[in-house]
N, C-alpha and C. Protein backbone atom coordinates (compact mmCIF):
# COMPACT_ATOMS: atom_id res chain seq x y z
N UNK A 1 4.21 13.60 18.68
CA UNK A 1 3.11 13.08 18.34
C UNK A 1 3.06 12.51 17.12
N UNK A 2 3.65 13.33 15.80
CA UNK A 2 3.99 13.12 15.14
C UNK A 2 4.63 11.51 14.76
N UNK A 3 5.51 11.39 15.50
CA UNK A 3 6.85 10.58 14.66
C UNK A 3 5.89 9.42 15.62
N UNK A 4 4.51 9.83 16.25
CA UNK A 4 4.26 8.59 17.09
C UNK A 4 3.62 7.89 15.95
N UNK A 5 3.20 8.69 15.51
CA UNK A 5 2.03 8.51 13.97
C UNK A 5 2.60 7.85 13.25
N UNK A 6 3.78 8.68 12.86
CA UNK A 6 5.06 7.73 11.57
C UNK A 6 5.16 6.60 11.89
N UNK A 7 5.32 6.32 13.02
CA UNK A 7 6.14 5.07 13.72
C UNK A 7 4.81 4.00 13.17
N UNK A 8 3.93 4.00 14.20
CA UNK A 8 2.84 3.29 13.82
C UNK A 8 2.49 2.83 12.57
N UNK A 9 2.38 3.81 11.60
CA UNK A 9 2.25 3.61 9.95
C UNK A 9 3.07 3.39 10.10
N UNK A 10 4.48 2.70 9.74
CA UNK A 10 5.77 2.76 9.29
C UNK A 10 5.96 0.70 10.05
N UNK A 11 5.15 0.71 10.76
CA UNK A 11 5.09 -0.99 11.46
C UNK A 11 4.13 -1.63 11.36
N UNK A 12 2.91 -1.40 10.98
CA UNK A 12 1.98 -1.78 9.93
C UNK A 12 2.14 -2.03 8.95
N UNK A 13 2.94 -1.20 7.85
CA UNK A 13 3.35 -1.29 6.77
C UNK A 13 3.80 -2.79 6.89
N UNK A 14 5.11 -2.43 7.75
CA UNK A 14 6.71 -3.44 7.13
C UNK A 14 5.75 -4.94 7.75
N UNK A 15 4.93 -4.86 9.59
CA UNK A 15 3.78 -5.88 9.10
C UNK A 15 3.17 -6.47 8.48
N UNK A 16 3.08 -5.61 7.64
CA UNK A 16 2.22 -6.13 6.56
C UNK A 16 2.70 -7.44 5.29
N UNK A 17 4.05 -5.91 5.10
CA UNK A 17 5.31 -6.62 4.26
C UNK A 17 5.13 -8.42 4.09
N UNK A 18 5.72 -8.20 5.60
CA UNK A 18 5.84 -9.50 6.87
C UNK A 18 5.47 -10.64 6.48
N UNK A 19 4.06 -10.39 6.30
CA UNK A 19 2.98 -11.00 6.69
C UNK A 19 2.09 -11.90 4.59
N UNK A 20 2.51 -10.78 3.63
CA UNK A 20 2.38 -11.00 3.07
C UNK A 20 3.43 -12.06 2.13
N UNK A 21 4.83 -11.63 2.88
CA UNK A 21 5.35 -12.98 2.47
C UNK A 21 5.18 -14.29 2.69
N UNK A 22 5.15 -14.28 3.95
CA UNK A 22 4.40 -15.08 4.81
C UNK A 22 3.62 -16.08 4.43
N UNK A 23 2.42 -15.44 4.18
CA UNK A 23 1.62 -16.09 3.62
C UNK A 23 1.56 -16.59 2.12
N UNK A 24 2.44 -16.33 1.59
CA UNK A 24 2.52 -16.60 0.05
C UNK A 24 3.39 -18.46 0.63
N UNK A 25 4.04 -18.48 1.31
CA UNK A 25 4.92 -19.48 1.53
C UNK A 25 3.88 -20.30 2.45
N UNK A 26 2.74 -19.78 2.83
CA UNK A 26 1.76 -20.77 3.40
C UNK A 26 1.83 -21.00 4.84
N UNK A 27 1.41 -19.82 4.93
CA UNK A 27 0.94 -19.10 6.87
C UNK A 27 -0.33 -19.79 6.83
N UNK A 28 -0.37 -19.70 8.39
CA UNK A 28 -1.99 -19.52 9.00
C UNK A 28 -2.80 -19.09 8.47
N UNK A 29 -4.64 -19.22 8.75
CA UNK A 29 -5.14 -18.22 8.23
C UNK A 29 -5.07 -17.02 8.25
N UNK A 30 -5.15 -16.50 9.58
CA UNK A 30 -4.74 -14.89 10.27
C UNK A 30 -4.13 -14.48 9.38
N UNK A 31 -2.84 -15.45 8.88
CA UNK A 31 -1.62 -14.12 8.55
C UNK A 31 -2.08 -13.80 6.96
N UNK A 32 -2.64 -15.13 6.28
CA UNK A 32 -3.31 -14.71 4.55
C UNK A 32 -4.53 -13.82 4.67
N UNK A 33 -5.59 -13.44 5.89
CA UNK A 33 -6.79 -12.27 5.61
C UNK A 33 -5.53 -11.32 5.93
N UNK A 34 -4.54 -10.85 6.98
CA UNK A 34 -3.88 -9.76 6.98
C UNK A 34 -3.06 -9.46 5.99
N UNK A 35 -2.50 -10.24 5.02
CA UNK A 35 -2.00 -10.25 3.93
C UNK A 35 -3.16 -9.45 2.32
N UNK A 36 -4.36 -10.42 3.10
CA UNK A 36 -5.29 -9.96 1.79
C UNK A 36 -5.74 -8.49 1.65
N UNK A 37 -5.68 -8.20 3.33
CA UNK A 37 -5.65 -7.03 3.73
C UNK A 37 -5.14 -5.89 3.15
N UNK A 38 -3.76 -6.31 3.61
CA UNK A 38 -2.39 -5.15 2.92
C UNK A 38 -2.65 -4.80 1.25
N UNK A 39 -2.75 -6.13 0.60
CA UNK A 39 -2.35 -6.06 -0.50
C UNK A 39 -4.20 -5.46 -1.20
N UNK A 40 -5.08 -5.17 -0.65
CA UNK A 40 -6.33 -4.44 -0.69
C UNK A 40 -6.31 -3.57 -0.63
N UNK A 41 -5.62 -2.40 -0.16
CA UNK A 41 -4.95 -1.54 0.95
C UNK A 41 -3.90 -0.50 0.14
N UNK A 42 -3.20 -1.84 -0.30
CA UNK A 42 -2.10 -1.11 -1.73
C UNK A 42 -2.83 -0.98 -2.80
N UNK A 43 -3.97 -1.71 -3.33
CA UNK A 43 -4.80 -1.76 -4.29
C UNK A 43 -4.75 0.00 -4.59
N UNK A 44 -5.47 0.11 -3.64
CA UNK A 44 -6.64 1.45 -3.13
C UNK A 44 -5.86 2.73 -3.23
N UNK A 45 -4.81 2.23 -2.96
CA UNK A 45 -3.47 3.86 -2.57
C UNK A 45 -3.35 4.07 -3.56
N UNK A 46 -3.29 2.50 -4.72
CA UNK A 46 -2.20 2.62 -6.29
C UNK A 46 -3.26 3.44 -7.04
N UNK A 47 -4.87 2.64 -6.44
CA UNK A 47 -5.80 3.50 -7.49
C UNK A 47 -6.08 5.13 -7.17
N UNK A 48 -5.83 6.06 -5.95
CA UNK A 48 -6.14 6.84 -5.17
C UNK A 48 -4.88 7.77 -6.46
N UNK A 49 -3.61 7.60 -6.06
CA UNK A 49 -2.01 8.03 -7.12
C UNK A 49 -2.95 8.27 -8.37
N UNK A 50 -3.39 7.07 -8.78
CA UNK A 50 -3.71 7.30 -10.33
C UNK A 50 -5.06 7.95 -10.35
N UNK A 51 -6.13 8.24 -9.77
CA UNK A 51 -6.48 9.16 -10.25
C UNK A 51 -6.77 10.66 -10.08
N UNK A 52 -5.82 11.15 -8.98
CA UNK A 52 -4.99 12.38 -8.46
C UNK A 52 -4.49 12.95 -9.96
N UNK A 53 -3.80 11.39 -10.78
CA UNK A 53 -2.73 12.20 -11.39
C UNK A 53 -2.84 12.38 -12.83
N UNK A 54 -4.70 11.16 -12.91
CA UNK A 54 -4.96 11.60 -14.11
C UNK A 54 -5.73 12.95 -14.89
N UNK A 55 -6.12 13.74 -13.43
CA UNK A 55 -6.72 15.29 -13.12
C UNK A 55 -5.91 16.33 -13.64
N UNK A 56 -5.04 16.04 -14.14
CA UNK A 56 -4.26 17.16 -14.25
C UNK A 56 -4.49 17.54 -15.49
N UNK A 57 -4.79 16.88 -16.30
CA UNK A 57 -5.06 17.13 -17.69
C UNK A 57 -3.75 16.99 -18.85
N UNK A 58 -2.77 16.65 -18.57
CA UNK A 58 -1.98 16.03 -20.12
C UNK A 58 -0.63 16.88 -19.47
N UNK A 59 -0.18 17.76 -18.47
CA UNK A 59 0.91 18.58 -18.04
C UNK A 59 1.76 17.95 -17.73
N UNK A 60 2.00 16.49 -18.13
CA UNK A 60 2.95 16.37 -18.45
C UNK A 60 3.58 15.69 -20.65
N UNK A 61 2.64 15.86 -20.98
CA UNK A 61 3.47 15.97 -22.38
C UNK A 61 3.75 16.09 -22.97
N UNK A 62 5.43 16.36 -24.46
CA UNK A 62 6.49 16.90 -25.00
C UNK A 62 5.82 17.59 -25.26
N UNK A 63 6.06 18.95 -25.61
CA UNK A 63 5.74 20.12 -26.24
C UNK A 63 7.07 19.64 -27.64
N UNK A 64 6.74 19.70 -28.76
CA UNK A 64 7.46 19.67 -29.84
C UNK A 64 7.66 20.32 -30.87
């Protein structure tokens, strides 16, 4: 079951990337919509990753 879910996520991610490239070359309207959704999901994931890292309290600073 886990393999099926991961496979579906992989197919959606690859499809989204294909749509982003196709939209940059002037694809149809539905491709531009899928590309916009893909880019928005990427920004959300990036923001979630940034929020998680900023809560560590500066543990990455070096000790001089």
